[in-house]
Protein backbone atom coordinates (compact mmCIF):
# COMPACT_ATOMS: atom_id res chain seq x y z
CA MET A 1 0.00 0.00 0.00
CA ALA A 2 1.43 3.40 -0.98
CA VAL A 3 2.40 5.73 1.85
CA PRO A 4 0.65 9.12 1.50
CA LEU A 5 2.88 12.14 0.90
CA PHE A 6 2.35 15.76 1.89
CA ASP A 7 3.57 19.23 0.97
CA LEU A 8 4.60 21.63 3.74
CA LEU A 9 3.36 25.15 2.93
CA LEU A 10 4.62 28.37 4.50
CA LEU A 11 1.74 30.84 4.81
CA GLY A 12 3.38 33.59 6.88
CA PHE A 13 5.00 34.51 10.18
CA ARG A 14 3.61 35.60 13.52
CA ASN A 15 5.95 38.62 13.61
CA ASP A 16 9.42 39.74 12.52
CA VAL A 17 11.13 37.95 15.40
CA ALA A 18 9.36 34.74 14.44
CA ARG A 19 10.47 35.22 10.84
CA GLU A 20 14.12 35.30 11.87
CA ARG A 21 13.72 32.29 14.15
CA VAL A 22 12.06 30.28 11.40
CA LEU A 23 14.66 31.16 8.78
CA ALA A 24 17.49 30.35 11.17
CA TYR A 25 15.95 26.97 11.93
CA LEU A 26 15.44 26.17 8.24
CA LYS A 27 19.04 27.00 7.43
CA SER A 28 20.22 24.71 10.21
CA LEU A 29 18.53 21.69 8.64
CA PRO A 30 20.31 19.27 6.32
CA ASP A 31 19.29 19.47 2.67
CA SER A 32 17.37 16.21 3.04
CA GLN A 33 14.98 17.90 5.49
CA GLY A 34 15.16 21.58 4.74
CA GLY A 35 13.65 21.60 1.30
CA LEU A 36 13.51 24.98 -0.46
CA ILE A 37 15.25 27.20 2.07
CA GLU A 38 16.91 30.03 0.16
CA PRO A 39 13.84 31.13 -1.89
CA VAL A 40 11.86 31.70 1.31
CA ARG A 41 13.44 35.07 2.09
CA GLU A 42 12.39 36.62 -1.19
CA ALA A 43 9.42 34.56 -2.34
CA GLY A 44 5.95 35.98 -2.07
CA LEU A 45 4.02 33.93 0.44
CA PRO A 46 2.64 31.31 0.45
CA CYS A 47 5.30 28.95 -0.86
CA VAL A 48 6.24 25.30 -0.64
CA LEU A 49 8.93 24.67 1.96
CA ARG A 50 9.14 20.94 1.42
CA ALA A 51 7.40 18.86 -1.19
CA ALA A 52 6.32 15.21 -1.03
CA VAL A 53 7.38 14.47 2.55
CA ASP A 54 6.12 11.49 4.49
CA ASP A 55 3.69 11.94 7.36
CA THR A 56 6.26 11.60 10.17
CA THR A 57 8.75 14.05 8.65
CA GLY A 58 6.00 16.52 7.82
CA LEU A 59 4.52 16.53 11.32
CA HIS A 60 7.98 16.96 12.88
CA LEU A 61 8.81 19.96 10.69
CA LEU A 62 5.33 21.39 11.18
CA SER A 63 5.64 21.26 14.98
CA GLU A 64 9.12 22.79 15.02
CA LEU A 65 8.16 25.64 12.68
CA ARG A 66 4.94 26.47 14.51
CA GLU A 67 6.81 26.58 17.80
CA ARG A 68 9.03 29.23 16.25
CA GLY A 69 6.12 31.34 15.03
CA ALA A 70 5.52 30.20 11.46
CA HIS A 71 2.05 29.80 10.00
CA VAL A 72 2.38 26.51 8.13
CA ARG A 73 0.16 23.68 6.93
CA LEU A 74 0.47 20.17 5.55
CA VAL A 75 -1.62 19.42 2.48
CA PRO A 76 -1.83 16.25 0.38
CA SER A 77 1.08 16.33 -2.02
CA GLN A 78 0.28 17.43 -5.54
CA GLN A 79 3.29 15.43 -6.81
CA GLY A 80 4.70 18.34 -8.72
CA ALA A 81 1.45 20.03 -9.62
CA VAL A 82 2.11 22.84 -7.14
CA ALA A 83 4.74 25.24 -8.44
CA VAL A 84 7.41 26.41 -6.04
CA ALA A 85 6.77 30.00 -7.06
CA GLY A 86 4.08 30.40 -4.44
CA VAL A 87 0.97 28.76 -5.90
CA THR A 88 -1.08 26.88 -3.30
CA PRO A 89 -3.65 24.17 -3.90
CA SER A 90 -7.24 25.30 -4.05
CA PRO A 91 -8.68 25.34 -0.54
CA PRO A 92 -11.43 22.86 0.33
CA PRO A 93 -15.02 24.13 0.29
CA PRO A 94 -16.18 25.54 3.63
CA PRO A 95 -17.77 23.02 6.00
CA GLN A 96 -21.49 22.63 5.51
CA PRO A 97 -23.70 22.93 8.59
CA SER A 98 -24.77 19.71 10.19
CA GLU A 99 -26.06 18.69 13.56
CA ALA A 100 -23.34 19.15 16.22
CA PRO A 101 -22.40 16.20 18.39
CA ARG A 102 -23.99 16.07 21.81
CA GLN A 103 -22.06 18.09 24.38
CA TRP A 104 -21.56 17.53 28.12
CA THR A 105 -20.74 20.29 30.58
CA ALA A 106 -17.96 19.99 33.19
CA GLY A 107 -15.95 22.68 34.94
CA VAL A 108 -16.50 25.39 37.47
CA PRO A 109 -18.88 25.24 36.08
CA ILE A 110 -18.51 24.05 32.45
CA MET A 111 -17.01 21.29 30.36
CA PHE A 112 -16.57 21.37 26.63
CA ALA A 113 -17.53 18.79 24.07
CA VAL A 114 -13.94 18.20 23.10
CA VAL A 115 -13.89 15.52 25.82
CA CYS A 116 -14.15 12.34 23.81
CA VAL A 117 -15.04 14.26 20.61
CA ALA A 118 -13.27 11.70 18.49
CA GLY A 119 -15.14 8.83 20.13
CA LEU A 120 -18.48 10.60 19.79
CA LEU A 121 -17.89 11.45 16.14
CA TYR A 122 -16.96 7.84 15.38
CA ALA A 123 -20.07 6.56 17.12
CA ARG A 124 -22.18 8.91 15.10
CA PHE A 125 -20.59 8.64 11.68
CA ALA A 126 -19.05 5.16 11.62
CA PRO A 127 -20.14 3.26 8.52
CA PRO A 128 -22.79 0.59 8.84
CA PRO A 129 -21.56 -2.98 8.77
CA ARG A 130 -20.15 -3.88 5.38
CA PRO A 131 -21.54 -7.04 3.77
CA LEU A 132 -19.09 -9.69 2.72
CA PRO A 133 -18.55 -10.07 -1.02
CA PRO A 134 -20.63 -12.90 -2.52
CA ALA A 135 -19.01 -16.31 -2.45
CA ALA A 136 -17.35 -17.59 -5.57
CA SER A 137 -19.63 -19.49 -7.88
CA SER A 138 -18.84 -22.02 -10.59
CA ALA A 139 -18.59 -19.14 -13.02
CA ALA A 140 -15.31 -17.28 -13.36
CA SER A 141 -14.95 -14.60 -10.68
CA GLU A 142 -12.88 -11.46 -10.36
CA PRO A 143 -9.30 -12.48 -9.44
CA ASP A 144 -9.14 -10.05 -6.51
CA ALA A 145 -12.59 -10.70 -5.06
CA PRO A 146 -12.08 -11.30 -1.32
CA ALA A 147 -14.56 -14.18 -1.17
CA ALA A 148 -13.14 -16.06 -4.15
CA LEU A 149 -12.09 -19.57 -3.13
CA PRO A 150 -10.00 -21.96 -5.23
CA LEU A 151 -12.22 -24.35 -7.10
CA GLN A 152 -9.99 -27.26 -6.25
CA LEU A 153 -10.94 -27.03 -2.56
CA ASP A 154 -13.43 -29.59 -1.24
CA PRO A 155 -17.04 -28.38 -0.85
CA ALA A 156 -16.90 -27.92 2.93
CA PRO A 157 -15.11 -24.53 3.06
CA HIS A 158 -17.19 -23.25 0.12
CA ASP A 159 -20.43 -24.16 1.88
CA LEU A 160 -19.27 -22.70 5.21
CA ASN A 161 -18.20 -19.50 3.46
CA ASP A 162 -21.62 -19.21 1.78
CA GLU A 163 -23.31 -19.64 5.15
CA ALA A 164 -21.00 -17.01 6.71
CA VAL A 165 -21.89 -14.52 3.98
CA ALA A 166 -25.61 -14.98 4.66
CA LEU A 167 -25.13 -14.68 8.42
CA ASN A 168 -23.00 -11.56 8.04
CA ASN A 169 -25.63 -9.92 5.85
CA THR A 170 -28.22 -10.37 8.60
CA GLY A 171 -25.93 -9.10 11.36
CA GLN A 172 -25.26 -12.51 12.93
CA PHE A 173 -21.55 -11.86 13.22
CA ALA A 174 -20.70 -14.38 15.95
CA ASP A 175 -22.19 -17.22 13.92
CA ALA A 176 -20.56 -15.93 10.72
CA ALA A 177 -17.15 -15.82 12.41
CA GLY A 178 -17.68 -19.34 13.72
CA LYS A 179 -18.44 -20.65 10.22
CA LEU A 180 -15.32 -19.02 8.80
CA ARG A 181 -13.11 -20.37 11.57
CA GLU A 182 -14.50 -23.83 10.84
CA ALA A 183 -13.82 -23.31 7.15
CA LEU A 184 -10.22 -22.37 7.96
CA GLN A 185 -9.80 -25.68 9.73
CA HIS A 186 -10.52 -27.34 6.36
CA ALA A 187 -8.36 -24.88 4.38
CA PRO A 188 -5.97 -23.18 6.82
CA GLY A 189 -3.87 -21.58 4.12
CA GLU A 190 -6.73 -20.01 2.15
CA PRO A 191 -6.26 -16.19 2.21
CA ALA A 192 -9.83 -15.42 1.05
CA LEU A 193 -11.25 -17.10 4.15
CA ARG A 194 -8.88 -15.12 6.38
CA ARG A 195 -9.89 -11.86 4.68
CA ASN A 196 -13.57 -12.70 5.10
CA LEU A 197 -13.08 -13.53 8.77
CA LYS A 198 -11.23 -10.24 9.22
CA THR A 199 -14.13 -8.39 7.57
CA VAL A 200 -16.72 -10.09 9.78
CA LEU A 201 -14.69 -9.23 12.89
CA HIS A 202 -14.46 -5.60 11.75
CA ASN A 203 -18.21 -5.42 11.10
CA TRP A 204 -18.93 -6.94 14.48
CA ALA A 205 -16.51 -4.56 16.23
CA VAL A 206 -18.11 -1.49 14.60
CA VAL A 207 -21.52 -2.57 15.89
CA GLU A 208 -20.10 -3.10 19.38
CA LEU A 209 -18.33 0.26 19.32
CA ASN A 210 -21.44 2.09 18.16
CA ALA A 211 -23.29 0.40 21.02
CA ASN A 212 -20.65 1.83 23.39
CA HIS A 213 -19.14 -1.61 24.12
CA ALA A 214 -15.54 -0.54 23.60
CA ASP A 215 -13.97 -3.47 25.46
CA ALA A 216 -15.77 -6.00 23.26
CA ALA A 217 -14.85 -4.04 20.13
CA ILE A 218 -11.16 -3.95 21.10
CA ALA A 219 -11.06 -7.72 21.60
CA LEU A 220 -12.61 -8.31 18.17
CA LEU A 221 -10.32 -5.85 16.41
CA GLU A 222 -7.25 -7.44 17.96
CA GLN A 223 -8.45 -10.82 16.68
CA GLY A 224 -8.76 -9.33 13.20
CA LEU A 225 -5.30 -7.77 13.35
CA ALA A 226 -3.84 -11.11 14.39
CA LEU A 227 -5.00 -12.36 10.98
CA GLU A 228 -3.56 -9.46 8.99
CA GLU A 229 -2.54 -5.83 9.54
CA ASP A 230 -5.22 -3.56 8.13
CA PRO A 231 -5.67 0.26 8.33
CA ALA A 232 -9.44 0.01 8.86
CA LEU A 233 -8.97 -2.31 11.83
CA LEU A 234 -6.18 -0.12 13.22
CA SER A 235 -8.35 2.99 12.88
CA ALA A 236 -11.25 1.38 14.70
CA LEU A 237 -8.91 0.06 17.39
CA GLY A 238 -7.38 3.50 17.92
CA ILE A 239 -10.81 5.12 18.15
CA ALA A 240 -11.91 2.51 20.67
CA ARG A 241 -8.75 3.16 22.71
CA VAL A 242 -9.46 6.90 22.63
CA ARG A 243 -12.91 6.22 23.99
CA GLN A 244 -11.25 4.25 26.81
CA GLU A 245 -8.79 7.14 27.30
CA GLN A 246 -5.92 4.72 26.69
CA TRP A 247 -3.81 7.36 25.00
CA ASP A 248 -0.51 5.58 24.29
CA PRO A 249 -1.98 2.46 22.63
CA ALA A 250 -4.47 4.70 20.79
CA ARG A 251 -1.61 6.74 19.39
CA THR A 252 0.27 3.62 18.27
CA ALA A 253 -2.76 2.23 16.43
CA LEU A 254 -3.85 5.51 14.83
CA GLU A 255 -0.39 6.57 13.67
CA ARG A 256 0.10 3.16 12.10
CA ALA A 257 -3.31 3.42 10.40
CA VAL A 258 -2.37 6.81 8.94
CA ALA A 259 1.02 5.48 7.82
CA LEU A 260 -0.82 2.71 5.96
CA GLY A 261 -3.03 5.24 4.17
CA ALA A 262 -6.04 5.84 6.43
CA SER A 263 -7.28 9.37 5.75
CA ASP A 264 -10.93 9.34 6.83
CA PRO A 265 -12.14 12.10 9.19
CA TYR A 266 -12.81 9.72 12.09
CA THR A 267 -9.21 8.50 12.21
CA LEU A 268 -7.73 11.98 11.86
CA ILE A 269 -10.01 13.48 14.50
CA ALA A 270 -9.15 10.70 16.94
CA LEU A 271 -5.42 11.14 16.33
CA GLY A 272 -5.83 14.90 16.76
CA LYS A 273 -7.39 14.29 20.15
CA VAL A 274 -4.49 12.01 21.13
CA TYR A 275 -1.95 14.68 20.15
CA ARG A 276 -3.89 17.32 22.03
CA GLN A 277 -3.98 15.19 25.16
CA ALA A 278 -0.22 14.74 24.87
CA GLY A 279 0.23 18.53 24.68
CA ASP A 280 1.31 18.57 21.01
CA ARG A 281 -1.14 21.26 19.95
CA ALA A 282 0.51 21.89 16.57
CA ALA A 283 0.11 18.26 15.55
CA ALA A 284 -3.46 18.26 16.89
CA VAL A 285 -4.42 21.29 14.80
CA GLU A 286 -2.81 19.69 11.77
CA MET A 287 -4.85 16.50 12.21
CA PHE A 288 -8.07 18.51 12.51
CA ASP A 289 -7.12 20.50 9.40
CA ARG A 290 -6.62 17.25 7.52
CA ALA A 291 -9.90 15.89 8.87
CA ARG A 292 -11.65 18.97 7.49
CA ASP A 293 -9.95 18.42 4.14
CA SER A 294 -11.22 14.83 4.25
CA GLY A 295 -14.82 15.92 4.69
CA ALA A 296 -15.40 16.53 8.41
CA THR A 297 -18.02 19.24 8.76
CA GLY A 298 -20.48 20.73 11.18
CA PRO A 299 -20.46 23.54 13.72
CA GLY A 300 -19.33 21.25 16.54
CA PHE A 301 -16.26 20.16 14.58
CA GLN A 302 -15.46 23.70 13.46
CA GLN A 303 -15.80 25.04 17.01
CA THR A 304 -13.33 22.42 18.23
CA LEU A 305 -10.83 23.29 15.49
CA THR A 306 -11.19 27.02 16.18
CA ARG A 307 -10.66 26.43 19.90
CA LEU A 308 -7.53 24.37 19.24
CA GLU A 309 -6.13 27.12 17.02
CA ARG A 310 -6.80 29.71 19.75
CA GLU A 311 -5.02 27.49 22.27
CA LEU A 312 -2.07 27.01 19.93
CA ASP A 313 -1.70 30.76 19.49
CA ALA A 314 -2.11 31.53 23.21
CA GLU A 315 0.26 28.81 24.45
CA TRP A 316 3.03 28.84 21.86
CA ASP A 317 5.68 30.12 24.33
CA PHE A 318 4.40 28.48 27.54
CA SER A 319 6.72 26.82 30.03
CA GLU A 320 6.00 23.58 31.84
CA MET A 321 6.18 22.38 35.43
CA ARG A 322 5.64 18.81 36.60
CA SER A 323 4.48 17.39 39.89
CA PRO A 324 3.95 13.68 40.66
CA HIS A 325 0.43 13.62 39.15
CA PHE A 326 0.07 16.84 37.13
CA GLN A 327 1.78 18.70 34.29
CA VAL A 328 1.17 22.46 34.48
CA SER A 329 1.72 24.75 31.49
CA PHE A 330 2.00 28.49 32.13
CA ALA A 331 3.29 31.71 30.58
CA GLY A 332 7.07 31.53 30.80
CA GLY A 333 9.55 34.20 31.78
CA GLN A 334 7.62 35.67 34.71
CA ARG A 335 8.37 34.89 38.36
CA GLU A 336 4.72 35.48 39.29
CA SER A 337 3.54 32.94 36.72
CA ALA A 338 5.94 30.29 37.99
CA ALA A 339 4.79 30.91 41.57
CA ALA A 340 1.14 30.62 40.50
CA ALA A 341 1.87 27.37 38.66
CA GLN A 342 3.60 26.01 41.76
CA ALA A 343 0.56 26.89 43.90
CA VAL A 344 -1.78 25.19 41.42
CA ALA A 345 0.40 22.07 41.26
CA GLN A 346 0.50 21.80 45.06
CA GLY A 347 -3.24 22.39 45.36
CA LEU A 348 -3.98 19.71 42.77
CA GLU A 349 -1.71 17.23 44.51
CA ASN A 350 -3.84 17.80 47.63
CA ALA A 351 -6.98 17.35 45.52
CA TYR A 352 -5.56 14.11 44.10
CA PHE A 353 -5.75 12.47 47.52
CA HIS A 354 -8.85 14.32 48.77
CA ASP A 355 -11.01 13.45 45.75
CA GLY A 356 -9.34 10.06 45.35
CA ARG A 357 -10.50 9.02 48.82
CA LYS A 358 -14.06 10.08 48.02
CA LEU A 359 -14.28 8.13 44.75
CA ASP A 360 -11.67 5.46 45.48
CA ILE A 361 -9.56 6.10 42.38
CA TYR A 362 -5.93 7.20 42.07
CA PRO A 363 -4.86 7.50 38.40
CA SER A 364 -1.19 6.98 37.58
CA GLU A 365 -0.94 9.18 34.47
CA ARG A 366 -0.20 12.88 34.83
CA VAL A 367 -3.17 15.17 34.17
CA PRO A 368 -2.40 18.15 31.87
CA VAL A 369 -3.22 21.58 33.34
CA VAL A 370 -3.04 25.02 31.69
CA LEU A 371 -2.83 28.27 33.65
CA TYR A 372 -3.85 31.23 31.50
CA ALA A 373 -3.51 34.92 32.17
CA SER A 374 -6.92 36.07 33.36
CA GLU A 375 -7.46 38.28 30.31
CA ASP A 376 -6.80 35.30 28.01
CA PHE A 377 -8.79 32.60 29.82
CA HIS A 378 -12.32 33.45 28.66
CA ASP A 379 -11.15 34.39 25.18
CA VAL A 380 -9.43 31.04 24.70
CA THR A 381 -12.03 28.85 26.40
CA GLN A 382 -15.05 30.86 25.19
CA THR A 383 -16.73 30.44 28.56
CA PRO A 384 -19.07 32.80 30.42
CA SER A 385 -17.51 35.42 32.70
CA TRP A 386 -18.57 33.55 35.84
CA THR A 387 -16.59 30.44 34.96
CA GLY A 388 -13.76 29.73 37.37
CA GLY A 389 -12.26 26.75 35.54
CA VAL A 390 -12.80 24.24 32.73
CA TYR A 391 -12.04 20.58 32.21
CA ASP A 392 -12.13 19.39 28.61
CA GLY A 393 -9.36 16.80 28.67
CA ARG A 394 -7.08 19.35 30.29
CA ILE A 395 -7.78 21.38 33.43
CA LYS A 396 -7.80 25.06 32.43
CA LEU A 397 -7.65 27.85 35.00
CA PRO A 398 -7.37 31.65 34.99
CA SER A 399 -4.47 33.06 37.00
CA ARG A 400 -6.92 35.42 38.71
CA GLY A 401 -8.04 32.71 41.12
CA VAL A 402 -4.43 32.16 42.19
CA GLU A 403 -3.35 35.80 42.29
CA ASP A 404 -6.31 36.84 44.45
CA GLY A 405 -4.75 34.87 47.25
CA ASP A 406 -8.04 33.39 48.46
CA GLY A 407 -6.84 29.95 49.48
CA THR A 408 -10.31 28.59 50.24
CA VAL A 409 -11.69 29.50 46.79
CA LEU A 410 -8.62 28.11 45.04
CA GLU A 411 -8.80 24.87 47.02
CA ARG A 412 -12.46 24.38 46.12
CA THR A 413 -11.84 25.20 42.48
CA LEU A 414 -9.02 22.68 42.20
CA ARG A 415 -10.98 19.96 43.97
CA HIS A 416 -13.96 20.66 41.71
CA GLU A 417 -11.94 20.49 38.49
CA TYR A 418 -10.08 17.38 39.57
CA GLY A 419 -13.45 15.84 40.44
CA HIS A 420 -14.37 16.22 36.77
CA VAL A 421 -11.16 14.41 35.81
CA LEU A 422 -12.10 11.41 37.96
CA VAL A 423 -15.72 11.38 36.75
CA THR A 424 -14.55 11.40 33.13
CA GLN A 425 -12.03 8.63 33.70
CA LEU A 426 -14.52 6.40 35.51
CA SER A 427 -17.41 7.01 33.10
CA ARG A 428 -15.22 7.46 29.99
CA GLY A 429 -17.18 10.61 29.30
CA HIS A 430 -20.58 8.91 29.20
CA VAL A 431 -22.20 10.75 32.06
CA PRO A 432 -25.13 13.19 32.28
CA VAL A 433 -24.10 16.71 33.23
CA TRP A 434 -26.15 16.79 36.43
CA LEU A 435 -24.23 13.78 37.75
CA ASN A 436 -20.88 15.17 36.60
CA GLU A 437 -21.46 18.57 38.20
CA GLY A 438 -23.04 17.13 41.33
CA VAL A 439 -20.02 14.89 41.95
CA ALA A 440 -17.61 17.80 41.33
CA ILE A 441 -19.36 19.99 43.92
CA TRP A 442 -19.46 17.06 46.35
CA CYS A 443 -15.69 16.69 45.84
CA GLU A 444 -15.21 20.28 47.03
CA GLU A 445 -16.39 19.45 50.53
CA ASP A 446 -14.13 18.95 53.55
CA ARG A 447 -17.08 17.82 55.61
CA GLU A 448 -19.93 15.74 54.19
CA GLY A 449 -22.95 17.93 53.49
CA GLU A 450 -21.26 21.28 54.09
CA ARG A 451 -22.68 22.67 50.82
CA GLU A 452 -26.26 21.66 51.65
CA ASP A 453 -27.22 25.00 53.23
CA TRP A 454 -26.09 26.81 50.07
CA ALA A 455 -28.01 24.37 47.87
CA TYR A 456 -31.29 24.51 49.83
CA GLN A 457 -31.16 28.31 50.01
CA THR A 458 -30.58 28.44 46.25
CA LEU A 459 -33.61 26.25 45.55
CA ALA A 460 -35.97 27.99 47.99
CA ASN A 461 -39.20 29.01 46.21
CA GLN A 462 -37.72 28.08 42.81
CA PRO A 463 -39.26 25.69 40.27
CA LEU A 464 -37.15 22.56 39.92
CA PHE A 465 -35.80 20.86 36.82
CA ALA A 466 -36.53 17.30 35.82
CA LEU A 467 -33.13 15.58 35.83
CA LYS A 468 -33.68 14.74 32.16
CA GLU A 469 -33.47 18.48 31.49
CA LEU A 470 -30.02 18.56 33.11
CA GLU A 471 -28.35 15.85 31.03
CA GLY A 472 -26.87 18.32 28.51
CA SER A 473 -24.83 21.50 28.74
CA PHE A 474 -25.93 23.95 31.42
CA THR A 475 -24.92 26.81 29.12
CA ALA A 476 -28.13 26.12 27.17
CA LEU A 477 -30.20 27.01 30.25
CA PRO A 478 -31.47 30.52 30.99
CA PRO A 479 -28.61 32.31 32.81
CA GLU A 480 -30.78 33.09 35.81
CA ARG A 481 -31.54 29.37 36.23
CA VAL A 482 -27.99 27.98 35.99
CA HIS A 483 -27.29 28.23 39.75
CA ILE A 484 -30.49 26.22 40.39
CA ALA A 485 -29.21 23.46 38.09
CA TYR A 486 -25.95 23.23 40.03
CA ALA A 487 -27.64 23.20 43.43
CA GLN A 488 -30.13 20.54 42.35
CA SER A 489 -27.36 18.40 40.82
CA TYR A 490 -25.36 18.54 44.03
CA LEU A 491 -28.34 17.55 46.18
CA ALA A 492 -29.12 14.60 43.89
CA VAL A 493 -25.57 13.34 44.37
CA ARG A 494 -25.79 13.98 48.11
CA ASP A 495 -28.86 11.73 48.23
CA LEU A 496 -26.93 8.97 46.45
CA VAL A 497 -23.92 9.34 48.76
CA GLY A 498 -26.14 9.43 51.83
CA GLU A 499 -27.88 6.27 50.68
CA SER A 500 -24.91 4.07 49.77
CA GLY A 501 -21.67 6.04 50.12
CA GLY A 502 -18.99 7.11 47.68
CA ARG A 503 -18.06 3.57 46.64
CA SER A 504 -21.50 3.06 45.08
CA LEU A 505 -21.04 6.33 43.21
CA HIS A 506 -17.76 4.95 41.85
CA GLU A 507 -19.61 1.82 40.71
CA LEU A 508 -22.35 3.87 39.04
CA LEU A 509 -19.84 5.90 37.04
CA ALA A 510 -17.89 2.77 36.08
CA ALA A 511 -21.13 1.10 34.92
CA LEU A 512 -21.79 4.09 32.66
CA GLY A 513 -18.24 3.78 31.36
CA SER A 514 -18.84 0.11 30.51
CA GLY A 515 -21.60 1.12 28.08
CA LYS A 516 -24.71 0.76 30.21
CA SER A 517 -27.49 3.32 29.91
CA LEU A 518 -28.17 5.52 32.93
CA ASP A 519 -31.16 3.42 33.96
CA GLU A 520 -29.28 0.14 33.46
CA ALA A 521 -26.32 1.43 35.46
CA PHE A 522 -28.59 2.79 38.19
CA ARG A 523 -30.46 -0.51 38.53
CA SER A 524 -27.22 -2.50 38.67
CA VAL A 525 -25.87 -0.41 41.56
CA TYR A 526 -28.93 0.77 43.51
CA SER A 527 -31.40 -2.03 42.62
CA ARG A 528 -34.10 0.40 41.55
CA SER A 529 -34.95 2.50 38.53
CA MET A 530 -33.63 5.95 37.79
CA ALA A 531 -37.23 7.16 37.49
CA GLY A 532 -38.01 5.86 40.97
CA PHE A 533 -35.01 7.65 42.45
CA GLU A 534 -35.90 10.92 40.74
CA SER A 535 -39.52 10.74 41.94
CA GLU A 536 -38.38 10.29 45.54
CA PHE A 537 -35.73 13.00 45.17
CA ILE A 538 -38.14 15.62 43.78
CA ASN A 539 -40.72 14.73 46.39
CA HIS A 540 -38.10 15.17 49.13
CA LEU A 541 -37.14 18.62 47.83
CA THR A 542 -40.68 19.87 47.44
CA ASN A 543 -42.33 18.30 50.49
CA GLY A 544 -39.45 17.82 52.91
């Protein structure tokens, strides 16, 4: 399979200082990597810096140049059709509006839909199961048809293959796989049977993944890859790993899929999310750009891409500080910023153990954190003015909360945001907002129930929400009703904790993460329906 090639285009510079940095870097490269260096100084922009590079080389150069202030892009190579004299390929048509993916809120007090965006997009847009090609008949068949079997084989594998095709076409994948495995016992060296089994396993895995059964999908995809390496299987495996927040194995699978030629939007979006989680914002933006070029559309996708580009611009010169469980990025070169980052890191380490005891979970991977200047925070995150923090795969905080010196507020904010991290990890992002926010506020508490007075005072003489109304983003609610949503969410979680303790809450979130619906998860943990709980909860609030 041919490896896709790309052209690296220079579109401009952030400023004059960036221009000099970029040119100096280009001149330091060997000819094998530097491409067309000398014409850059005089050429009218845009121009081709490097033509027909492989994916790995292109992403490396892209990251290095963007870090130095260049505006660059990778585009599919035109193989000589793009002239060096500054002609760029025609841009893709603008994205057409489509329904945005469902969004969940999480933060103090908001969470953005970028959490698990790749997994959600795959679940929504993944292709329906592909039917197997028809089995070979006595007539001559196409030489490359996957289902073609040598005519000299005995009838048993032919008949089993025919049965597998029929079972696959009706969605009976387990039985179809069984027939093909049996056929392989008769003809173990027959590649068409192996390809058909691989296709059935892929079809089956897609159905499991779309049903939110990621563990089952991963097992099936690994069985298929044991038969033969395949970019479609690798893409699906990487997307499933992203949904499980298993970032390193997801990256391995997705990068290999891209190297083998995968270029569909789902794969590129998932890999962009992996890069973003790893802190490689330039590579993440590039993947989202390529996903757009491959047909990804819709306001939700475009908002995510725009947000990533804002982050890239705001954080291009950030420094980094690490603690045992967190990685804090902050504006470099200022003593005050370093001190603020140190305070945040220490506060989050405290939250790691405080929240961990409540939910009985202590993750080993470092959580990325970004500390923005207060004037940049709302511009970058596009959150309302009252927001004190955001978790969308990274904890994002304004420096204002640190600089004000209010230790109590900062402590609560950090506990709240880290609570969202734990909820997301346990539920793998499949959690209604009221439960997410309620757990985060509960995590703020030093003493059980200390926020109850605030919550009851907030709800006094106010009409309540049905919990169904609080499953999506709170930003869609009337602004004057948002504080009621938070108070009601907290009290719902307090009822659950008071009934069975924090361990049961852990089990509820984990059940949601395993693919169960809210009612299924609720029944499995609390032995009653979600509707029954809500009826009792609302009755308690209204009648005491």
